[in-house]
Amino acid sequence: MYNTNNRSLGSLSEDAYELLLTAIEPARGLAFEEALGHLREEGFSEGDAEYAVERLLLRGYLYEVDGELFVTTRENSSSE
């Protein structure tokens, strides 16, 4: 778990994260290319979609296993 208060994102990545929260099934994950496609369907350009997913991976909001993306479990900031 991680505390999102320590991991700020830009608005582009935040928007992508909110969309991917609903698209990524916890048990199955979502292929990297499918995640990009989902973001493009929601109006992201190719470059913006790639940037957002890479930033989410680098900041720990998403993680990748065998080409599938998963959402990292978040620590609720109100539980501190």
PDB file of N, CA and C in Angstrom:
ATOM      1  N   MET A   1       0.844  -1.189   0.000  1.00  0.00           N
ATOM      2  CA  MET A   1       0.000   0.000   0.000  1.00  0.00           C
ATOM      3  C   MET A   1       0.880   1.241   0.000  1.00  0.00           C
ATOM      4  N   TYR A   2       0.345   2.301  -0.524  1.00  0.00           N
ATOM      5  CA  TYR A   2       1.071   3.554  -0.502  1.00  0.00           C
ATOM      6  C   TYR A   2       0.106   4.693  -0.238  1.00  0.00           C
ATOM      7  N   ASN A   3       0.644   5.773   0.193  1.00  0.00           N
ATOM      8  CA  ASN A   3      -0.151   6.955   0.513  1.00  0.00           C
ATOM      9  C   ASN A   3      -0.110   7.889  -0.688  1.00  0.00           C
ATOM     10  N   THR A   4      -1.263   8.157  -1.291  1.00  0.00           N
ATOM     11  CA  THR A   4      -1.320   8.990  -2.486  1.00  0.00           C
ATOM     12  C   THR A   4      -0.977  10.442  -2.202  1.00  0.00           C
ATOM     13  N   ASN A   5      -0.967  10.861  -0.960  1.00  0.00           N
ATOM     14  CA  ASN A   5      -0.601  12.242  -0.645  1.00  0.00           C
ATOM     15  C   ASN A   5       0.847  12.525  -1.025  1.00  0.00           C
ATOM     16  N   ASN A   6       1.678  11.502  -1.057  1.00  0.00           N
ATOM     17  CA  ASN A   6       3.091  11.668  -1.385  1.00  0.00           C
ATOM     18  C   ASN A   6       3.387  11.454  -2.861  1.00  0.00           C
ATOM     19  N   ARG A   7       2.400  11.237  -3.675  1.00  0.00           N
ATOM     20  CA  ARG A   7       2.601  10.914  -5.075  1.00  0.00           C
ATOM     21  C   ARG A   7       1.683  11.767  -5.949  1.00  0.00           C
ATOM     22  N   SER A   8       2.002  13.031  -6.078  1.00  0.00           N
ATOM     23  CA  SER A   8       1.142  13.908  -6.871  1.00  0.00           C
ATOM     24  C   SER A   8       1.305  13.610  -8.356  1.00  0.00           C
ATOM     25  N   LEU A   9       0.236  13.775  -9.073  1.00  0.00           N
ATOM     26  CA  LEU A   9       0.209  13.589 -10.521  1.00  0.00           C
ATOM     27  C   LEU A   9      -0.296  14.866 -11.163  1.00  0.00           C
ATOM     28  N   GLY A  10       0.003  15.016 -12.421  1.00  0.00           N
ATOM     29  CA  GLY A  10      -0.602  16.107 -13.173  1.00  0.00           C
ATOM     30  C   GLY A  10      -2.040  15.756 -13.505  1.00  0.00           C
ATOM     31  N   SER A  11      -2.796  16.721 -13.960  1.00  0.00           N
ATOM     32  CA  SER A  11      -4.221  16.490 -14.238  1.00  0.00           C
ATOM     33  C   SER A  11      -4.431  15.451 -15.337  1.00  0.00           C
ATOM     34  N   LEU A  12      -3.548  15.400 -16.321  1.00  0.00           N
ATOM     35  CA  LEU A  12      -3.665  14.418 -17.396  1.00  0.00           C
ATOM     36  C   LEU A  12      -3.585  12.996 -16.843  1.00  0.00           C
ATOM     37  N   SER A  13      -2.588  12.755 -16.008  1.00  0.00           N
ATOM     38  CA  SER A  13      -2.412  11.421 -15.421  1.00  0.00           C
ATOM     39  C   SER A  13      -3.524  11.103 -14.426  1.00  0.00           C
ATOM     40  N   GLU A  14      -3.975  12.103 -13.683  1.00  0.00           N
ATOM     41  CA  GLU A  14      -5.090  11.879 -12.752  1.00  0.00           C
ATOM     42  C   GLU A  14      -6.344  11.462 -13.506  1.00  0.00           C
ATOM     43  N   ASP A  15      -6.625  12.142 -14.626  1.00  0.00           N
ATOM     44  CA  ASP A  15      -7.792  11.790 -15.437  1.00  0.00           C
ATOM     45  C   ASP A  15      -7.662  10.376 -15.983  1.00  0.00           C
ATOM     46  N   ALA A  16      -6.467  10.035 -16.457  1.00  0.00           N
ATOM     47  CA  ALA A  16      -6.230   8.690 -16.984  1.00  0.00           C
ATOM     48  C   ALA A  16      -6.421   7.649 -15.886  1.00  0.00           C
ATOM     49  N   TYR A  17      -5.916   7.936 -14.710  1.00  0.00           N
ATOM     50  CA  TYR A  17      -6.039   7.010 -13.584  1.00  0.00           C
ATOM     51  C   TYR A  17      -7.500   6.752 -13.246  1.00  0.00           C
ATOM     52  N   GLU A  18      -8.283   7.790 -13.178  1.00  0.00           N
ATOM     53  CA  GLU A  18      -9.706   7.625 -12.861  1.00  0.00           C
ATOM     54  C   GLU A  18     -10.401   6.760 -13.899  1.00  0.00           C
ATOM     55  N   LEU A  19     -10.066   6.935 -15.169  1.00  0.00           N
ATOM     56  CA  LEU A  19     -10.656   6.113 -16.229  1.00  0.00           C
ATOM     57  C   LEU A  19     -10.189   4.660 -16.124  1.00  0.00           C
ATOM     58  N   LEU A  20      -8.913   4.470 -15.839  1.00  0.00           N
ATOM     59  CA  LEU A  20      -8.371   3.120 -15.777  1.00  0.00           C
ATOM     60  C   LEU A  20      -8.844   2.365 -14.538  1.00  0.00           C
ATOM     61  N   LEU A  21      -9.201   3.069 -13.479  1.00  0.00           N
ATOM     62  CA  LEU A  21      -9.745   2.403 -12.287  1.00  0.00           C
ATOM     63  C   LEU A  21     -10.979   1.585 -12.628  1.00  0.00           C
ATOM     64  N   THR A  22     -11.780   2.089 -13.542  1.00  0.00           N
ATOM     65  CA  THR A  22     -12.993   1.372 -13.931  1.00  0.00           C
ATOM     66  C   THR A  22     -12.733   0.353 -15.031  1.00  0.00           C
ATOM     67  N   ALA A  23     -11.660   0.527 -15.785  1.00  0.00           N
ATOM     68  CA  ALA A  23     -11.373  -0.365 -16.912  1.00  0.00           C
ATOM     69  C   ALA A  23     -10.561  -1.587 -16.513  1.00  0.00           C
ATOM     70  N   ILE A  24      -9.757  -1.475 -15.467  1.00  0.00           N
ATOM     71  CA  ILE A  24      -8.875  -2.572 -15.071  1.00  0.00           C
ATOM     72  C   ILE A  24      -9.559  -3.438 -14.034  1.00  0.00           C
ATOM     73  N   GLU A  25      -9.785  -4.695 -14.396  1.00  0.00           N
ATOM     74  CA  GLU A  25     -10.382  -5.643 -13.456  1.00  0.00           C
ATOM     75  C   GLU A  25      -9.297  -6.128 -12.497  1.00  0.00           C
ATOM     76  N   PRO A  26      -9.548  -6.070 -11.198  1.00  0.00           N
ATOM     77  CA  PRO A  26      -8.513  -6.426 -10.217  1.00  0.00           C
ATOM     78  C   PRO A  26      -7.907  -7.821 -10.409  1.00  0.00           C
ATOM     79  N   ALA A  27      -8.709  -8.794 -10.752  1.00  0.00           N
ATOM     80  CA  ALA A  27      -8.207 -10.160 -10.867  1.00  0.00           C
ATOM     81  C   ALA A  27      -7.548 -10.447 -12.214  1.00  0.00           C
ATOM     82  N   ARG A  28      -7.923  -9.709 -13.245  1.00  0.00           N
ATOM     83  CA  ARG A  28      -7.421  -9.995 -14.585  1.00  0.00           C
ATOM     84  C   ARG A  28      -6.391  -9.006 -15.078  1.00  0.00           C
ATOM     85  N   GLY A  29      -6.489  -7.780 -14.663  1.00  0.00           N
ATOM     86  CA  GLY A  29      -5.626  -6.744 -15.208  1.00  0.00           C
ATOM     87  C   GLY A  29      -6.098  -6.333 -16.590  1.00  0.00           C
ATOM     88  N   LEU A  30      -5.267  -5.553 -17.266  1.00  0.00           N
ATOM     89  CA  LEU A  30      -5.590  -5.060 -18.593  1.00  0.00           C
ATOM     90  C   LEU A  30      -4.285  -4.918 -19.358  1.00  0.00           C
ATOM     91  N   ALA A  31      -4.239  -5.433 -20.562  1.00  0.00           N
ATOM     92  CA  ALA A  31      -3.027  -5.334 -21.370  1.00  0.00           C
ATOM     93  C   ALA A  31      -2.676  -3.866 -21.595  1.00  0.00           C
ATOM     94  N   PHE A  32      -1.381  -3.595 -21.659  1.00  0.00           N
ATOM     95  CA  PHE A  32      -0.876  -2.237 -21.849  1.00  0.00           C
ATOM     96  C   PHE A  32      -1.554  -1.578 -23.051  1.00  0.00           C
ATOM     97  N   GLU A  33      -1.578  -2.273 -24.185  1.00  0.00           N
ATOM     98  CA  GLU A  33      -2.170  -1.715 -25.404  1.00  0.00           C
ATOM     99  C   GLU A  33      -3.674  -1.478 -25.250  1.00  0.00           C
ATOM    100  N   GLU A  34      -4.340  -2.344 -24.513  1.00  0.00           N
ATOM    101  CA  GLU A  34      -5.769  -2.152 -24.256  1.00  0.00           C
ATOM    102  C   GLU A  34      -6.002  -0.910 -23.407  1.00  0.00           C
ATOM    103  N   ALA A  35      -5.127  -0.687 -22.444  1.00  0.00           N
ATOM    104  CA  ALA A  35      -5.240   0.512 -21.600  1.00  0.00           C
ATOM    105  C   ALA A  35      -5.077   1.763 -22.460  1.00  0.00           C
ATOM    106  N   LEU A  36      -4.092   1.741 -23.344  1.00  0.00           N
ATOM    107  CA  LEU A  36      -3.898   2.888 -24.243  1.00  0.00           C
ATOM    108  C   LEU A  36      -5.126   3.086 -25.125  1.00  0.00           C
ATOM    109  N   GLY A  37      -5.656   1.999 -25.655  1.00  0.00           N
ATOM    110  CA  GLY A  37      -6.853   2.081 -26.493  1.00  0.00           C
ATOM    111  C   GLY A  37      -8.041   2.645 -25.742  1.00  0.00           C
ATOM    112  N   HIS A  38      -8.197   2.237 -24.510  1.00  0.00           N
ATOM    113  CA  HIS A  38      -9.297   2.748 -23.682  1.00  0.00           C
ATOM    114  C   HIS A  38      -9.162   4.263 -23.500  1.00  0.00           C
ATOM    115  N   LEU A  39      -7.952   4.711 -23.217  1.00  0.00           N
ATOM    116  CA  LEU A  39      -7.742   6.152 -23.038  1.00  0.00           C
ATOM    117  C   LEU A  39      -7.968   6.912 -24.338  1.00  0.00           C
ATOM    118  N   ARG A  40      -7.537   6.348 -25.463  1.00  0.00           N
ATOM    119  CA  ARG A  40      -7.778   7.009 -26.760  1.00  0.00           C
ATOM    120  C   ARG A  40      -9.278   7.120 -27.031  1.00  0.00           C
ATOM    121  N   GLU A  41     -10.033   6.069 -26.694  1.00  0.00           N
ATOM    122  CA  GLU A  41     -11.490   6.105 -26.865  1.00  0.00           C
ATOM    123  C   GLU A  41     -12.118   7.214 -26.033  1.00  0.00           C
ATOM    124  N   GLU A  42     -11.481   7.554 -24.928  1.00  0.00           N
ATOM    125  CA  GLU A  42     -11.992   8.599 -24.036  1.00  0.00           C
ATOM    126  C   GLU A  42     -11.461   9.988 -24.399  1.00  0.00           C
ATOM    127  N   GLY A  43     -10.748  10.088 -25.533  1.00  0.00           N
ATOM    128  CA  GLY A  43     -10.336  11.396 -26.018  1.00  0.00           C
ATOM    129  C   GLY A  43      -8.868  11.740 -25.838  1.00  0.00           C
ATOM    130  N   PHE A  44      -8.078  10.843 -25.283  1.00  0.00           N
ATOM    131  CA  PHE A  44      -6.647  11.087 -25.140  1.00  0.00           C
ATOM    132  C   PHE A  44      -5.965  10.895 -26.490  1.00  0.00           C
ATOM    133  N   SER A  45      -4.977  11.712 -26.786  1.00  0.00           N
ATOM    134  CA  SER A  45      -4.163  11.474 -27.976  1.00  0.00           C
ATOM    135  C   SER A  45      -3.251  10.290 -27.685  1.00  0.00           C
ATOM    136  N   GLU A  46      -2.635   9.731 -28.723  1.00  0.00           N
ATOM    137  CA  GLU A  46      -1.719   8.599 -28.544  1.00  0.00           C
ATOM    138  C   GLU A  46      -0.590   8.966 -27.578  1.00  0.00           C
ATOM    139  N   GLY A  47       0.014  10.120 -27.803  1.00  0.00           N
ATOM    140  CA  GLY A  47       1.127  10.563 -26.958  1.00  0.00           C
ATOM    141  C   GLY A  47       0.712  10.809 -25.526  1.00  0.00           C
ATOM    142  N   ASP A  48      -0.446  11.432 -25.340  1.00  0.00           N
ATOM    143  CA  ASP A  48      -0.925  11.702 -23.976  1.00  0.00           C
ATOM    144  C   ASP A  48      -1.258  10.411 -23.243  1.00  0.00           C
ATOM    145  N   ALA A  49      -1.850   9.445 -23.953  1.00  0.00           N
ATOM    146  CA  ALA A  49      -2.190   8.169 -23.330  1.00  0.00           C
ATOM    147  C   ALA A  49      -0.917   7.445 -22.884  1.00  0.00           C
ATOM    148  N   GLU A  50       0.081   7.410 -23.749  1.00  0.00           N
ATOM    149  CA  GLU A  50       1.347   6.751 -23.403  1.00  0.00           C
ATOM    150  C   GLU A  50       2.019   7.452 -22.229  1.00  0.00           C
ATOM    151  N   TYR A  51       2.051   8.769 -22.268  1.00  0.00           N
ATOM    152  CA  TYR A  51       2.665   9.538 -21.178  1.00  0.00           C
ATOM    153  C   TYR A  51       1.970   9.254 -19.851  1.00  0.00           C
ATOM    154  N   ALA A  52       0.639   9.283 -19.865  1.00  0.00           N
ATOM    155  CA  ALA A  52      -0.125   9.090 -18.634  1.00  0.00           C
ATOM    156  C   ALA A  52       0.109   7.704 -18.049  1.00  0.00           C
ATOM    157  N   VAL A  53       0.076   6.666 -18.877  1.00  0.00           N
ATOM    158  CA  VAL A  53       0.266   5.308 -18.371  1.00  0.00           C
ATOM    159  C   VAL A  53       1.690   5.135 -17.853  1.00  0.00           C
ATOM    160  N   GLU A  54       2.660   5.643 -18.575  1.00  0.00           N
ATOM    161  CA  GLU A  54       4.052   5.540 -18.107  1.00  0.00           C
ATOM    162  C   GLU A  54       4.236   6.264 -16.773  1.00  0.00           C
ATOM    163  N   ARG A  55       3.631   7.419 -16.637  1.00  0.00           N
ATOM    164  CA  ARG A  55       3.741   8.178 -15.383  1.00  0.00           C
ATOM    165  C   ARG A  55       3.061   7.430 -14.241  1.00  0.00           C
ATOM    166  N   LEU A  56       1.912   6.820 -14.518  1.00  0.00           N
ATOM    167  CA  LEU A  56       1.220   6.043 -13.494  1.00  0.00           C
ATOM    168  C   LEU A  56       2.048   4.838 -13.065  1.00  0.00           C
ATOM    169  N   LEU A  57       2.747   4.233 -14.006  1.00  0.00           N
ATOM    170  CA  LEU A  57       3.634   3.124 -13.670  1.00  0.00           C
ATOM    171  C   LEU A  57       4.822   3.607 -12.841  1.00  0.00           C
ATOM    172  N   LEU A  58       5.433   4.699 -13.270  1.00  0.00           N
ATOM    173  CA  LEU A  58       6.608   5.220 -12.561  1.00  0.00           C
ATOM    174  C   LEU A  58       6.270   5.698 -11.152  1.00  0.00           C
ATOM    175  N   ARG A  59       5.078   6.237 -10.959  1.00  0.00           N
ATOM    176  CA  ARG A  59       4.677   6.761  -9.649  1.00  0.00           C
ATOM    177  C   ARG A  59       4.056   5.710  -8.740  1.00  0.00           C
ATOM    178  N   GLY A  60       3.872   4.491  -9.265  1.00  0.00           N
ATOM    179  CA  GLY A  60       3.365   3.412  -8.427  1.00  0.00           C
ATOM    180  C   GLY A  60       1.857   3.282  -8.362  1.00  0.00           C
ATOM    181  N   TYR A  61       1.140   4.035  -9.171  1.00  0.00           N
ATOM    182  CA  TYR A  61      -0.315   3.915  -9.182  1.00  0.00           C
ATOM    183  C   TYR A  61      -0.753   2.649  -9.911  1.00  0.00           C
ATOM    184  N   LEU A  62       0.050   2.227 -10.891  1.00  0.00           N
ATOM    185  CA  LEU A  62      -0.177   0.994 -11.629  1.00  0.00           C
ATOM    186  C   LEU A  62       1.093   0.159 -11.531  1.00  0.00           C
ATOM    187  N   TYR A  63       0.937  -1.142 -11.730  1.00  0.00           N
ATOM    188  CA  TYR A  63       2.102  -2.006 -11.873  1.00  0.00           C
ATOM    189  C   TYR A  63       1.812  -2.995 -12.989  1.00  0.00           C
ATOM    190  N   GLU A  64       2.887  -3.550 -13.550  1.00  0.00           N
ATOM    191  CA  GLU A  64       2.762  -4.433 -14.701  1.00  0.00           C
ATOM    192  C   GLU A  64       3.318  -5.815 -14.373  1.00  0.00           C
ATOM    193  N   VAL A  65       2.547  -6.844 -14.737  1.00  0.00           N
ATOM    194  CA  VAL A  65       2.968  -8.227 -14.578  1.00  0.00           C
ATOM    195  C   VAL A  65       2.633  -8.951 -15.878  1.00  0.00           C
ATOM    196  N   ASP A  66       3.648  -9.513 -16.505  1.00  0.00           N
ATOM    197  CA  ASP A  66       3.465 -10.273 -17.752  1.00  0.00           C
ATOM    198  C   ASP A  66       2.633  -9.509 -18.783  1.00  0.00           C
ATOM    199  N   GLY A  67       2.909  -8.231 -18.922  1.00  0.00           N
ATOM    200  CA  GLY A  67       2.230  -7.413 -19.925  1.00  0.00           C
ATOM    201  C   GLY A  67       0.848  -6.928 -19.542  1.00  0.00           C
ATOM    202  N   GLU A  68       0.403  -7.270 -18.340  1.00  0.00           N
ATOM    203  CA  GLU A  68      -0.908  -6.832 -17.859  1.00  0.00           C
ATOM    204  C   GLU A  68      -0.728  -5.737 -16.819  1.00  0.00           C
ATOM    205  N   LEU A  69      -1.565  -4.712 -16.878  1.00  0.00           N
ATOM    206  CA  LEU A  69      -1.533  -3.625 -15.908  1.00  0.00           C
ATOM    207  C   LEU A  69      -2.540  -3.885 -14.797  1.00  0.00           C
ATOM    208  N   PHE A  70      -2.127  -3.575 -13.589  1.00  0.00           N
ATOM    209  CA  PHE A  70      -2.978  -3.716 -12.406  1.00  0.00           C
ATOM    210  C   PHE A  70      -2.905  -2.424 -11.608  1.00  0.00           C
ATOM    211  N   VAL A  71      -3.960  -2.143 -10.840  1.00  0.00           N
ATOM    212  CA  VAL A  71      -3.996  -0.969  -9.978  1.00  0.00           C
ATOM    213  C   VAL A  71      -3.372  -1.342  -8.637  1.00  0.00           C
ATOM    214  N   THR A  72      -2.448  -0.516  -8.179  1.00  0.00           N
ATOM    215  CA  THR A  72      -1.835  -0.712  -6.882  1.00  0.00           C
ATOM    216  C   THR A  72      -2.856  -0.378  -5.798  1.00  0.00           C
ATOM    217  N   THR A  73      -2.904  -1.180  -4.751  1.00  0.00           N
ATOM    218  CA  THR A  73      -3.812  -0.926  -3.642  1.00  0.00           C
ATOM    219  C   THR A  73      -3.414   0.381  -2.972  1.00  0.00           C
ATOM    220  N   ARG A  74      -4.370   1.252  -2.806  1.00  0.00           N
ATOM    221  CA  ARG A  74      -4.091   2.557  -2.207  1.00  0.00           C
ATOM    222  C   ARG A  74      -4.404   2.542  -0.733  1.00  0.00           C
ATOM    223  N   GLU A  75      -3.578   3.267   0.028  1.00  0.00           N
ATOM    224  CA  GLU A  75      -3.861   3.491   1.433  1.00  0.00           C
ATOM    225  C   GLU A  75      -4.779   4.692   1.521  1.00  0.00           C
ATOM    226  N   ASN A  76      -5.849   4.555   2.228  1.00  0.00           N
ATOM    227  CA  ASN A  76      -6.796   5.653   2.391  1.00  0.00           C
ATOM    228  C   ASN A  76      -6.159   6.725   3.272  1.00  0.00           C
ATOM    229  N   SER A  77      -6.045   7.937   2.735  1.00  0.00           N
ATOM    230  CA  SER A  77      -5.382   9.009   3.479  1.00  0.00           C
ATOM    231  C   SER A  77      -6.120   9.390   4.758  1.00  0.00           C
ATOM    232  N   SER A  78      -7.408   9.045   4.878  1.00  0.00           N
ATOM    233  CA  SER A  78      -8.141   9.389   6.098  1.00  0.00           C
ATOM    234  C   SER A  78      -7.858   8.411   7.235  1.00  0.00           C
ATOM    235  N   SER A  79      -7.142   7.306   6.947  1.00  0.00           N
ATOM    236  CA  SER A  79      -6.868   6.340   7.990  1.00  0.00           C
ATOM    237  C   SER A  79      -5.592   6.646   8.761  1.00  0.00           C
ATOM    238  N   GLU A  80      -4.939   7.739   8.432  1.00  0.00           N
ATOM    239  CA  GLU A  80      -3.693   8.101   9.123  1.00  0.00           C
ATOM    240  C   GLU A  80      -3.972   8.757  10.429  1.00  0.00           C
TER     241      GLU A  80
END
